[in-house]
Amino acid sequence: MERSLELGNMTRVQEFVLLGLSTRPGIRNVLFAVFLTLYLLTLLENTLIIYLICSHSELHKPMYFFLGNLSCLEMCYVSVTMPSLLLGLWTGPCHVPFTACMTQLFFFISLICMECTLLASMAYDRYVAICHPLHYPLLMRPQVCLGLALSSWLGGLLVSVVKTSCIASLSYCGPNVLNHFFCDVSPLLNLSCTHVALTELVDFISAIIILWGSLLVAIASYVAIGRAVLCMSSAVARRKALSTCASHLVVVGIFYAATLFIYARPSRIEAMDLNKVLSVIYTVVTPMCNPIIYCLRNREVQAAFHRTLHWSRS
């Protein structure tokens, strides 16, 4: 009872201070230019892909439907974290109201969960296309593709509602300084002045279900693809399929390695500088690389892009 009264009399934190990616003024301007360029490049790449998929009927296929969803998600994803990163590099440590911080956390958790499940859906799509080509039109008919995409978006929102509600219900009595460039789970848990065991458990279980579950689906799909490719009689077809899968696995591997290290752990992370570096990988690097790996190296997308350039010139 006394503990409850003591907590009730504490002043609740009204805002957080984000230290940003770097507190060294000498390199902040350089980093600002670099990350602004990466941000604009990411938006340009994904906007181009969405436009090409929507405007060319030959790209109206399940694979490109998922790639269009991924591009839309990447634009939202990078736009949740990059503005606060750029603001911190431009002005130094910035003050973020409690409500704004929780809003950013909600969208970030939603989008990262959506990306995990969407990458698993894309891996399953490639598995069906390579291992069961005759059944592909049935197994990946429009209704199935739409259902997989909707489950990714709605599932991410549902998980985020639960996790964000748990974190927002904690008491933050000070200090209010987050050693990060956006409002993330671990830095917020480190600042809580109440018992966080239940919140950590919810966070860990959801990470296991979403991250490990989608990763296992992706791994199983690519293992089956690898076996099917090795059984192909044509060396050219085998080399082409392996090249495509290898590039996809690089992006998936980088994304999952960073996210699993940060989120699929049963305790709060204390090494926040390492946390920030890993966060840059999956919030900045992968959204920029995904369009190049998945689409812009694809011959059908390249052909559509060249036709678009030809139309614009004529």
C-alpha atoms as a PDB file:
ATOM      1  CA  MET A   1       0.000   0.000   0.000  1.00  0.00           C
ATOM      2  CA  GLU A   2       2.800   2.395   0.928  1.00  0.00           C
ATOM      3  CA  ARG A   3       4.607   1.462  -2.285  1.00  0.00           C
ATOM      4  CA  SER A   4       1.502   2.302  -4.313  1.00  0.00           C
ATOM      5  CA  LEU A   5       1.129   5.674  -2.616  1.00  0.00           C
ATOM      6  CA  GLU A   6       4.801   6.418  -3.160  1.00  0.00           C
ATOM      7  CA  LEU A   7       4.510   5.696  -6.865  1.00  0.00           C
ATOM      8  CA  GLY A   8       1.337   7.717  -7.094  1.00  0.00           C
ATOM      9  CA  ASN A   9       3.066  10.775  -5.615  1.00  0.00           C
ATOM     10  CA  MET A  10       5.938  10.580  -8.118  1.00  0.00           C
ATOM     11  CA  THR A  11       5.931  13.033 -11.004  1.00  0.00           C
ATOM     12  CA  ARG A  12       5.202  11.224 -14.247  1.00  0.00           C
ATOM     13  CA  VAL A  13       7.580  11.947 -17.124  1.00  0.00           C
ATOM     14  CA  GLN A  14       5.873  14.230 -19.664  1.00  0.00           C
ATOM     15  CA  GLU A  15       8.575  14.027 -22.319  1.00  0.00           C
ATOM     16  CA  PHE A  16      11.689  12.108 -23.285  1.00  0.00           C
ATOM     17  CA  VAL A  17      15.032  13.387 -24.517  1.00  0.00           C
ATOM     18  CA  LEU A  18      16.482  11.502 -27.485  1.00  0.00           C
ATOM     19  CA  LEU A  19      20.274  11.742 -27.515  1.00  0.00           C
ATOM     20  CA  GLY A  20      20.345  10.769 -31.194  1.00  0.00           C
ATOM     21  CA  LEU A  21      22.718   8.634 -33.203  1.00  0.00           C
ATOM     22  CA  SER A  22      25.797  10.671 -32.229  1.00  0.00           C
ATOM     23  CA  THR A  23      26.460  13.450 -29.730  1.00  0.00           C
ATOM     24  CA  ARG A  24      29.735  14.509 -31.383  1.00  0.00           C
ATOM     25  CA  PRO A  25      29.161  17.835 -33.209  1.00  0.00           C
ATOM     26  CA  GLY A  26      32.132  17.247 -35.511  1.00  0.00           C
ATOM     27  CA  ILE A  27      30.537  14.328 -37.360  1.00  0.00           C
ATOM     28  CA  ARG A  28      26.842  15.153 -36.999  1.00  0.00           C
ATOM     29  CA  ASN A  29      26.759  17.320 -40.148  1.00  0.00           C
ATOM     30  CA  VAL A  30      28.413  14.615 -42.221  1.00  0.00           C
ATOM     31  CA  LEU A  31      26.065  11.949 -40.887  1.00  0.00           C
ATOM     32  CA  PHE A  32      23.082  14.219 -41.530  1.00  0.00           C
ATOM     33  CA  ALA A  33      24.028  14.552 -45.215  1.00  0.00           C
ATOM     34  CA  VAL A  34      24.631  10.810 -45.533  1.00  0.00           C
ATOM     35  CA  PHE A  35      21.372   9.727 -43.901  1.00  0.00           C
ATOM     36  CA  LEU A  36      19.295  12.373 -45.676  1.00  0.00           C
ATOM     37  CA  THR A  37      20.645  11.059 -48.989  1.00  0.00           C
ATOM     38  CA  LEU A  38      19.856   7.477 -47.981  1.00  0.00           C
ATOM     39  CA  TYR A  39      16.340   8.481 -46.887  1.00  0.00           C
ATOM     40  CA  LEU A  40      15.550  10.264 -50.160  1.00  0.00           C
ATOM     41  CA  LEU A  41      17.057   7.393 -52.159  1.00  0.00           C
ATOM     42  CA  THR A  42      14.928   4.862 -50.275  1.00  0.00           C
ATOM     43  CA  LEU A  43      11.744   6.857 -50.927  1.00  0.00           C
ATOM     44  CA  LEU A  44      12.658   7.250 -54.605  1.00  0.00           C
ATOM     45  CA  GLU A  45      13.422   3.552 -55.112  1.00  0.00           C
ATOM     46  CA  ASN A  46      10.240   2.319 -53.470  1.00  0.00           C
ATOM     47  CA  THR A  47       8.032   4.934 -55.135  1.00  0.00           C
ATOM     48  CA  LEU A  48       9.451   3.860 -58.504  1.00  0.00           C
ATOM     49  CA  ILE A  49       8.747   0.207 -57.792  1.00  0.00           C
ATOM     50  CA  ILE A  50       5.150   0.872 -56.727  1.00  0.00           C
ATOM     51  CA  TYR A  51       4.580   2.977 -59.849  1.00  0.00           C
ATOM     52  CA  LEU A  52       6.047   0.305 -62.157  1.00  0.00           C
ATOM     53  CA  ILE A  53       4.000  -2.488 -60.591  1.00  0.00           C
ATOM     54  CA  CYS A  54       0.763  -0.497 -60.749  1.00  0.00           C
ATOM     55  CA  SER A  55       1.266   0.831 -64.312  1.00  0.00           C
ATOM     56  CA  HIS A  56       2.449  -2.331 -66.101  1.00  0.00           C
ATOM     57  CA  SER A  57       0.021  -5.228 -66.453  1.00  0.00           C
ATOM     58  CA  GLU A  58       2.821  -7.786 -66.943  1.00  0.00           C
ATOM     59  CA  LEU A  59       3.853  -7.106 -63.347  1.00  0.00           C
ATOM     60  CA  HIS A  60       0.394  -7.921 -61.996  1.00  0.00           C
ATOM     61  CA  LYS A  61       1.575 -11.228 -60.546  1.00  0.00           C
ATOM     62  CA  PRO A  62       1.650 -12.557 -56.957  1.00  0.00           C
ATOM     63  CA  MET A  63       5.390 -11.978 -56.573  1.00  0.00           C
ATOM     64  CA  TYR A  64       5.119  -8.329 -57.593  1.00  0.00           C
ATOM     65  CA  PHE A  65       1.983  -7.882 -55.498  1.00  0.00           C
ATOM     66  CA  PHE A  66       4.044  -8.782 -52.420  1.00  0.00           C
ATOM     67  CA  LEU A  67       6.955  -6.634 -53.606  1.00  0.00           C
ATOM     68  CA  GLY A  68       4.589  -3.678 -53.971  1.00  0.00           C
ATOM     69  CA  ASN A  69       3.357  -4.248 -50.429  1.00  0.00           C
ATOM     70  CA  LEU A  70       6.956  -4.465 -49.226  1.00  0.00           C
ATOM     71  CA  SER A  71       7.855  -1.187 -50.951  1.00  0.00           C
ATOM     72  CA  CYS A  72       4.851   0.568 -49.411  1.00  0.00           C
ATOM     73  CA  LEU A  73       5.773  -0.839 -46.018  1.00  0.00           C
ATOM     74  CA  GLU A  74       9.419   0.211 -46.394  1.00  0.00           C
ATOM     75  CA  MET A  75       8.413   3.796 -47.143  1.00  0.00           C
ATOM     76  CA  CYS A  76       6.275   3.916 -44.001  1.00  0.00           C
ATOM     77  CA  TYR A  77       8.895   2.071 -41.985  1.00  0.00           C
ATOM     78  CA  VAL A  78      11.779   4.375 -42.824  1.00  0.00           C
ATOM     79  CA  SER A  79       9.562   7.457 -42.393  1.00  0.00           C
ATOM     80  CA  VAL A  80       8.785   6.489 -38.785  1.00  0.00           C
ATOM     81  CA  THR A  81      12.397   6.476 -37.573  1.00  0.00           C
ATOM     82  CA  MET A  82      14.388   8.587 -40.048  1.00  0.00           C
ATOM     83  CA  PRO A  83      12.879  12.027 -39.253  1.00  0.00           C
ATOM     84  CA  SER A  84      13.862  11.771 -35.573  1.00  0.00           C
ATOM     85  CA  LEU A  85      17.306  10.492 -36.564  1.00  0.00           C
ATOM     86  CA  LEU A  86      17.815  13.445 -38.917  1.00  0.00           C
ATOM     87  CA  LEU A  87      16.462  15.912 -36.361  1.00  0.00           C
ATOM     88  CA  GLY A  88      18.892  14.617 -33.748  1.00  0.00           C
ATOM     89  CA  LEU A  89      21.814  14.969 -36.156  1.00  0.00           C
ATOM     90  CA  TRP A  90      20.748  18.502 -37.132  1.00  0.00           C
ATOM     91  CA  THR A  91      19.877  19.988 -33.742  1.00  0.00           C
ATOM     92  CA  GLY A  92      21.416  17.597 -31.234  1.00  0.00           C
ATOM     93  CA  PRO A  93      19.399  15.948 -28.421  1.00  0.00           C
ATOM     94  CA  CYS A  94      15.695  16.612 -28.997  1.00  0.00           C
ATOM     95  CA  HIS A  95      12.678  16.620 -26.674  1.00  0.00           C
ATOM     96  CA  VAL A  96       9.796  14.292 -27.570  1.00  0.00           C
ATOM     97  CA  PRO A  97       6.415  14.434 -25.760  1.00  0.00           C
ATOM     98  CA  PHE A  98       5.333  11.203 -24.062  1.00  0.00           C
ATOM     99  CA  THR A  99       2.348  10.752 -26.407  1.00  0.00           C
ATOM    100  CA  ALA A 100       4.475  11.336 -29.516  1.00  0.00           C
ATOM    101  CA  CYS A 101       7.035   8.822 -28.265  1.00  0.00           C
ATOM    102  CA  MET A 102       4.389   6.149 -27.722  1.00  0.00           C
ATOM    103  CA  THR A 103       2.867   6.912 -31.136  1.00  0.00           C
ATOM    104  CA  GLN A 104       6.234   6.427 -32.814  1.00  0.00           C
ATOM    105  CA  LEU A 105       6.735   3.197 -30.849  1.00  0.00           C
ATOM    106  CA  PHE A 106       3.306   1.934 -31.941  1.00  0.00           C
ATOM    107  CA  PHE A 107       3.965   2.483 -35.645  1.00  0.00           C
ATOM    108  CA  PHE A 108       7.506   1.137 -35.417  1.00  0.00           C
ATOM    109  CA  ILE A 109       6.407  -2.124 -33.753  1.00  0.00           C
ATOM    110  CA  SER A 110       3.527  -2.460 -36.215  1.00  0.00           C
ATOM    111  CA  LEU A 111       5.764  -2.047 -39.246  1.00  0.00           C
ATOM    112  CA  ILE A 112       8.571  -4.316 -38.056  1.00  0.00           C
ATOM    113  CA  CYS A 113       6.052  -7.093 -37.330  1.00  0.00           C
ATOM    114  CA  MET A 114       4.443  -6.525 -40.723  1.00  0.00           C
ATOM    115  CA  GLU A 115       7.806  -6.783 -42.474  1.00  0.00           C
ATOM    116  CA  CYS A 116       8.653 -10.054 -40.729  1.00  0.00           C
ATOM    117  CA  THR A 117       5.413 -11.734 -41.769  1.00  0.00           C
ATOM    118  CA  LEU A 118       5.528 -10.224 -45.266  1.00  0.00           C
ATOM    119  CA  LEU A 119       9.062 -11.547 -45.857  1.00  0.00           C
ATOM    120  CA  ALA A 120       7.813 -14.989 -44.795  1.00  0.00           C
ATOM    121  CA  SER A 121       4.890 -14.707 -47.238  1.00  0.00           C
ATOM    122  CA  MET A 122       7.287 -13.751 -50.030  1.00  0.00           C
ATOM    123  CA  ALA A 123       9.508 -16.746 -49.239  1.00  0.00           C
ATOM    124  CA  TYR A 124       6.448 -19.018 -49.347  1.00  0.00           C
ATOM    125  CA  ASP A 125       5.441 -17.509 -52.703  1.00  0.00           C
ATOM    126  CA  ARG A 126       8.874 -18.364 -54.161  1.00  0.00           C
ATOM    127  CA  TYR A 127       8.646 -21.862 -52.651  1.00  0.00           C
ATOM    128  CA  VAL A 128       5.339 -22.539 -54.385  1.00  0.00           C
ATOM    129  CA  ALA A 129       6.575 -21.047 -57.682  1.00  0.00           C
ATOM    130  CA  ILE A 130       9.729 -23.199 -57.796  1.00  0.00           C
ATOM    131  CA  CYS A 131       8.666 -26.390 -56.023  1.00  0.00           C
ATOM    132  CA  HIS A 132       5.018 -26.604 -57.171  1.00  0.00           C
ATOM    133  CA  PRO A 133       4.826 -24.647 -60.454  1.00  0.00           C
ATOM    134  CA  LEU A 134       1.782 -26.522 -61.758  1.00  0.00           C
ATOM    135  CA  HIS A 135      -0.242 -25.670 -58.644  1.00  0.00           C
ATOM    136  CA  TYR A 136       1.030 -22.092 -58.418  1.00  0.00           C
ATOM    137  CA  PRO A 137      -2.047 -20.416 -60.035  1.00  0.00           C
ATOM    138  CA  LEU A 138      -4.308 -22.206 -57.533  1.00  0.00           C
ATOM    139  CA  LEU A 139      -2.177 -21.929 -54.394  1.00  0.00           C
ATOM    140  CA  MET A 140      -1.316 -18.282 -55.017  1.00  0.00           C
ATOM    141  CA  ARG A 141      -4.599 -17.063 -56.475  1.00  0.00           C
ATOM    142  CA  PRO A 142      -5.540 -13.405 -55.795  1.00  0.00           C
ATOM    143  CA  GLN A 143      -7.684 -14.228 -52.764  1.00  0.00           C
ATOM    144  CA  VAL A 144      -4.784 -16.065 -51.087  1.00  0.00           C
ATOM    145  CA  CYS A 145      -2.322 -13.262 -51.845  1.00  0.00           C
ATOM    146  CA  LEU A 146      -4.715 -10.661 -50.470  1.00  0.00           C
ATOM    147  CA  GLY A 147      -5.300 -12.757 -47.361  1.00  0.00           C
ATOM    148  CA  LEU A 148      -1.576 -13.131 -46.701  1.00  0.00           C
ATOM    149  CA  ALA A 149      -0.995  -9.406 -47.161  1.00  0.00           C
ATOM    150  CA  LEU A 150      -3.932  -8.430 -44.930  1.00  0.00           C
ATOM    151  CA  SER A 151      -2.846 -10.873 -42.236  1.00  0.00           C
ATOM    152  CA  SER A 152       0.597  -9.252 -42.264  1.00  0.00           C
ATOM    153  CA  TRP A 153      -0.767  -5.722 -41.892  1.00  0.00           C
ATOM    154  CA  LEU A 154      -3.516  -6.530 -39.376  1.00  0.00           C
ATOM    155  CA  GLY A 155      -1.328  -8.923 -37.388  1.00  0.00           C
ATOM    156  CA  GLY A 156       1.342  -6.256 -37.007  1.00  0.00           C
ATOM    157  CA  LEU A 157      -1.225  -3.746 -35.777  1.00  0.00           C
ATOM    158  CA  LEU A 158      -2.667  -6.217 -33.252  1.00  0.00           C
ATOM    159  CA  VAL A 159       0.739  -7.126 -31.800  1.00  0.00           C
ATOM    160  CA  SER A 160       1.683  -3.458 -31.621  1.00  0.00           C
ATOM    161  CA  VAL A 161      -1.495  -2.546 -29.723  1.00  0.00           C
ATOM    162  CA  VAL A 162      -0.669  -5.123 -27.033  1.00  0.00           C
ATOM    163  CA  LYS A 163       3.040  -4.265 -26.728  1.00  0.00           C
ATOM    164  CA  THR A 164       2.596  -0.496 -26.846  1.00  0.00           C
ATOM    165  CA  SER A 165      -0.215  -0.615 -24.267  1.00  0.00           C
ATOM    166  CA  CYS A 166       2.009  -2.565 -21.869  1.00  0.00           C
ATOM    167  CA  ILE A 167       4.915  -0.154 -22.287  1.00  0.00           C
ATOM    168  CA  ALA A 168       2.737   2.976 -22.069  1.00  0.00           C
ATOM    169  CA  SER A 169       1.144   1.726 -18.835  1.00  0.00           C
ATOM    170  CA  LEU A 170       4.525   1.636 -17.051  1.00  0.00           C
ATOM    171  CA  SER A 171       5.527   4.486 -14.752  1.00  0.00           C
ATOM    172  CA  TYR A 172       8.384   6.731 -15.861  1.00  0.00           C
ATOM    173  CA  CYS A 173       9.562   8.870 -12.945  1.00  0.00           C
ATOM    174  CA  GLY A 174      12.916  10.065 -14.279  1.00  0.00           C
ATOM    175  CA  PRO A 175      15.505  10.255 -15.659  1.00  0.00           C
ATOM    176  CA  ASN A 176      13.939  10.754 -19.061  1.00  0.00           C
ATOM    177  CA  VAL A 177      16.971  10.524 -21.377  1.00  0.00           C
ATOM    178  CA  LEU A 178      16.844   7.860 -24.115  1.00  0.00           C
ATOM    179  CA  ASN A 179      20.233   6.919 -25.545  1.00  0.00           C
ATOM    180  CA  HIS A 180      18.739   6.266 -28.965  1.00  0.00           C
ATOM    181  CA  PHE A 181      17.575   8.074 -32.091  1.00  0.00           C
ATOM    182  CA  PHE A 182      13.941   6.946 -31.791  1.00  0.00           C
ATOM    183  CA  CYS A 183      11.588   5.581 -29.139  1.00  0.00           C
ATOM    184  CA  ASP A 184      12.397   1.882 -28.984  1.00  0.00           C
ATOM    185  CA  VAL A 185      11.379  -0.893 -26.603  1.00  0.00           C
ATOM    186  CA  SER A 186      14.627  -1.539 -24.715  1.00  0.00           C
ATOM    187  CA  PRO A 187      15.528   2.118 -23.947  1.00  0.00           C
ATOM    188  CA  LEU A 188      12.012   2.727 -22.610  1.00  0.00           C
ATOM    189  CA  LEU A 189      12.081  -0.383 -20.418  1.00  0.00           C
ATOM    190  CA  ASN A 190      15.420   0.763 -19.003  1.00  0.00           C
ATOM    191  CA  LEU A 191      13.820   4.051 -17.867  1.00  0.00           C
ATOM    192  CA  SER A 192      10.781   2.541 -16.170  1.00  0.00           C
ATOM    193  CA  CYS A 193      10.677   2.924 -12.389  1.00  0.00           C
ATOM    194  CA  THR A 194       8.149   0.119 -11.924  1.00  0.00           C
ATOM    195  CA  HIS A 195       8.410  -3.660 -12.219  1.00  0.00           C
ATOM    196  CA  VAL A 196       8.701  -4.578 -15.910  1.00  0.00           C
ATOM    197  CA  ALA A 197       8.795  -8.375 -15.713  1.00  0.00           C
ATOM    198  CA  LEU A 198       5.314  -8.802 -17.236  1.00  0.00           C
ATOM    199  CA  THR A 199       6.027  -6.286 -20.009  1.00  0.00           C
ATOM    200  CA  GLU A 200       9.344  -7.975 -20.774  1.00  0.00           C
ATOM    201  CA  LEU A 201       7.577 -11.344 -20.916  1.00  0.00           C
ATOM    202  CA  VAL A 202       4.941 -10.016 -23.340  1.00  0.00           C
ATOM    203  CA  ASP A 203       7.681  -8.423 -25.441  1.00  0.00           C
ATOM    204  CA  PHE A 204       9.745 -11.612 -25.481  1.00  0.00           C
ATOM    205  CA  ILE A 205       6.826 -13.934 -26.293  1.00  0.00           C
ATOM    206  CA  SER A 206       5.588 -11.711 -29.133  1.00  0.00           C
ATOM    207  CA  ALA A 207       9.140 -11.514 -30.509  1.00  0.00           C
ATOM    208  CA  ILE A 208       9.428 -15.297 -30.405  1.00  0.00           C
ATOM    209  CA  ILE A 209       6.093 -15.757 -32.196  1.00  0.00           C
ATOM    210  CA  ILE A 210       6.543 -13.050 -34.838  1.00  0.00           C
ATOM    211  CA  LEU A 211      10.302 -13.044 -35.427  1.00  0.00           C
ATOM    212  CA  TRP A 212      11.152 -16.700 -34.907  1.00  0.00           C
ATOM    213  CA  GLY A 213       7.873 -17.912 -36.440  1.00  0.00           C
ATOM    214  CA  SER A 214       8.287 -15.932 -39.655  1.00  0.00           C
ATOM    215  CA  LEU A 215      12.013 -16.760 -39.787  1.00  0.00           C
ATOM    216  CA  LEU A 216      11.293 -20.492 -39.575  1.00  0.00           C
ATOM    217  CA  VAL A 217       8.774 -20.195 -42.427  1.00  0.00           C
ATOM    218  CA  ALA A 218      11.354 -18.330 -44.527  1.00  0.00           C
ATOM    219  CA  ILE A 219      14.132 -20.819 -43.736  1.00  0.00           C
ATOM    220  CA  ALA A 220      11.919 -23.832 -44.475  1.00  0.00           C
ATOM    221  CA  SER A 221      10.850 -22.265 -47.788  1.00  0.00           C
ATOM    222  CA  TYR A 222      14.390 -21.489 -48.898  1.00  0.00           C
ATOM    223  CA  VAL A 223      15.676 -24.917 -47.833  1.00  0.00           C
ATOM    224  CA  ALA A 224      12.959 -26.565 -49.951  1.00  0.00           C
ATOM    225  CA  ILE A 225      13.831 -24.207 -52.826  1.00  0.00           C
ATOM    226  CA  GLY A 226      17.504 -25.117 -52.492  1.00  0.00           C
ATOM    227  CA  ARG A 227      16.722 -28.823 -52.701  1.00  0.00           C
ATOM    228  CA  ALA A 228      14.512 -28.310 -55.745  1.00  0.00           C
ATOM    229  CA  VAL A 229      17.153 -26.188 -57.466  1.00  0.00           C
ATOM    230  CA  LEU A 230      19.884 -28.784 -56.906  1.00  0.00           C
ATOM    231  CA  CYS A 231      17.667 -31.362 -58.617  1.00  0.00           C
ATOM    232  CA  MET A 232      17.269 -29.232 -61.764  1.00  0.00           C
ATOM    233  CA  SER A 233      18.878 -30.717 -64.859  1.00  0.00           C
ATOM    234  CA  SER A 234      19.659 -27.378 -66.509  1.00  0.00           C
ATOM    235  CA  ALA A 235      22.812 -25.716 -65.196  1.00  0.00           C
ATOM    236  CA  VAL A 236      21.637 -22.301 -66.434  1.00  0.00           C
ATOM    237  CA  ALA A 237      18.286 -22.558 -64.629  1.00  0.00           C
ATOM    238  CA  ARG A 238      20.036 -23.815 -61.506  1.00  0.00           C
ATOM    239  CA  ARG A 239      22.521 -20.933 -61.513  1.00  0.00           C
ATOM    240  CA  LYS A 240      19.777 -18.351 -62.099  1.00  0.00           C
ATOM    241  CA  ALA A 241      17.590 -19.673 -59.269  1.00  0.00           C
ATOM    242  CA  LEU A 242      20.509 -19.924 -56.844  1.00  0.00           C
ATOM    243  CA  SER A 243      21.596 -16.375 -57.678  1.00  0.00           C
ATOM    244  CA  THR A 244      18.113 -15.022 -56.960  1.00  0.00           C
ATOM    245  CA  CYS A 245      17.716 -16.965 -53.710  1.00  0.00           C
ATOM    246  CA  ALA A 246      21.211 -16.022 -52.518  1.00  0.00           C
ATOM    247  CA  SER A 247      20.527 -12.296 -52.909  1.00  0.00           C
ATOM    248  CA  HIS A 248      17.195 -12.642 -51.122  1.00  0.00           C
ATOM    249  CA  LEU A 249      18.803 -14.591 -48.292  1.00  0.00           C
ATOM    250  CA  VAL A 250      21.405 -11.865 -47.761  1.00  0.00           C
ATOM    251  CA  VAL A 251      18.710  -9.243 -47.103  1.00  0.00           C
ATOM    252  CA  VAL A 252      16.572 -11.602 -45.012  1.00  0.00           C
ATOM    253  CA  GLY A 253      19.626 -12.726 -43.040  1.00  0.00           C
ATOM    254  CA  ILE A 254      20.791  -9.192 -42.231  1.00  0.00           C
ATOM    255  CA  PHE A 255      17.302  -8.068 -41.216  1.00  0.00           C
ATOM    256  CA  TYR A 256      16.531 -11.056 -39.007  1.00  0.00           C
ATOM    257  CA  ALA A 257      20.000 -11.218 -37.432  1.00  0.00           C
ATOM    258  CA  ALA A 258      19.759  -7.612 -36.230  1.00  0.00           C
ATOM    259  CA  THR A 259      16.129  -7.783 -35.082  1.00  0.00           C
ATOM    260  CA  LEU A 260      16.495 -11.122 -33.319  1.00  0.00           C
ATOM    261  CA  PHE A 261      19.573  -9.939 -31.432  1.00  0.00           C
ATOM    262  CA  ILE A 262      17.736  -6.854 -30.161  1.00  0.00           C
ATOM    263  CA  TYR A 263      14.171  -8.060 -29.618  1.00  0.00           C
ATOM    264  CA  ALA A 264      14.175 -11.853 -29.123  1.00  0.00           C
ATOM    265  CA  ARG A 265      15.940 -11.623 -25.758  1.00  0.00           C
ATOM    266  CA  PRO A 266      14.291 -12.117 -22.350  1.00  0.00           C
ATOM    267  CA  SER A 267      15.986  -9.121 -20.708  1.00  0.00           C
ATOM    268  CA  ARG A 268      16.614  -5.445 -21.266  1.00  0.00           C
ATOM    269  CA  ILE A 269      19.612  -4.513 -23.366  1.00  0.00           C
ATOM    270  CA  GLU A 270      22.212  -2.406 -21.602  1.00  0.00           C
ATOM    271  CA  ALA A 271      24.694  -1.891 -24.489  1.00  0.00           C
ATOM    272  CA  MET A 272      22.680   0.898 -26.092  1.00  0.00           C
ATOM    273  CA  ASP A 273      25.465   2.028 -28.448  1.00  0.00           C
ATOM    274  CA  LEU A 274      25.457  -1.439 -30.019  1.00  0.00           C
ATOM    275  CA  ASN A 275      21.667  -1.270 -30.051  1.00  0.00           C
ATOM    276  CA  LYS A 276      21.805   1.967 -32.056  1.00  0.00           C
ATOM    277  CA  VAL A 277      24.259   0.552 -34.595  1.00  0.00           C
ATOM    278  CA  LEU A 278      22.125  -2.548 -35.141  1.00  0.00           C
ATOM    279  CA  SER A 279      19.003  -0.389 -35.371  1.00  0.00           C
ATOM    280  CA  VAL A 280      20.591   1.567 -38.223  1.00  0.00           C
ATOM    281  CA  ILE A 281      21.041  -1.711 -40.115  1.00  0.00           C
ATOM    282  CA  TYR A 282      17.379  -2.710 -40.143  1.00  0.00           C
ATOM    283  CA  THR A 283      15.823   0.778 -40.146  1.00  0.00           C
ATOM    284  CA  VAL A 284      18.059   2.373 -42.786  1.00  0.00           C
ATOM    285  CA  VAL A 285      20.197  -0.162 -44.647  1.00  0.00           C
ATOM    286  CA  THR A 286      17.655  -2.898 -45.378  1.00  0.00           C
ATOM    287  CA  PRO A 287      14.882  -0.519 -46.583  1.00  0.00           C
ATOM    288  CA  MET A 288      17.396   0.951 -49.042  1.00  0.00           C
ATOM    289  CA  CYS A 289      18.778  -2.423 -50.199  1.00  0.00           C
ATOM    290  CA  ASN A 290      15.493  -4.338 -50.485  1.00  0.00           C
ATOM    291  CA  PRO A 291      14.286  -2.569 -53.671  1.00  0.00           C
ATOM    292  CA  ILE A 292      17.651  -3.201 -55.359  1.00  0.00           C
ATOM    293  CA  ILE A 293      17.859  -6.848 -54.309  1.00  0.00           C
ATOM    294  CA  TYR A 294      14.237  -7.812 -54.892  1.00  0.00           C
ATOM    295  CA  CYS A 295      13.189  -5.649 -57.839  1.00  0.00           C
ATOM    296  CA  LEU A 296      15.694  -3.468 -59.635  1.00  0.00           C
ATOM    297  CA  ARG A 297      17.880  -6.504 -60.487  1.00  0.00           C
ATOM    298  CA  ASN A 298      14.819  -8.276 -61.883  1.00  0.00           C
ATOM    299  CA  ARG A 299      14.662  -8.413 -65.687  1.00  0.00           C
ATOM    300  CA  GLU A 300      10.891  -7.901 -65.877  1.00  0.00           C
ATOM    301  CA  VAL A 301      11.132  -4.815 -63.664  1.00  0.00           C
ATOM    302  CA  GLN A 302      14.077  -3.515 -65.672  1.00  0.00           C
ATOM    303  CA  ALA A 303      12.125  -3.972 -68.911  1.00  0.00           C
ATOM    304  CA  ALA A 304       9.139  -2.118 -67.440  1.00  0.00           C
ATOM    305  CA  PHE A 305      11.451   0.676 -66.298  1.00  0.00           C
ATOM    306  CA  HIS A 306      13.000   1.020 -69.756  1.00  0.00           C
ATOM    307  CA  ARG A 307       9.536   1.179 -71.370  1.00  0.00           C
ATOM    308  CA  THR A 308       8.561   3.889 -68.884  1.00  0.00           C
ATOM    309  CA  LEU A 309      11.650   5.905 -69.832  1.00  0.00           C
ATOM    310  CA  HIS A 310      10.811   5.431 -73.516  1.00  0.00           C
ATOM    311  CA  TRP A 311       7.227   6.678 -72.995  1.00  0.00           C
ATOM    312  CA  SER A 312       8.434   9.737 -71.095  1.00  0.00           C
ATOM    313  CA  ARG A 313      10.878  10.637 -73.862  1.00  0.00           C
ATOM    314  CA  SER A 314       8.320  10.181 -76.634  1.00  0.00           C
END
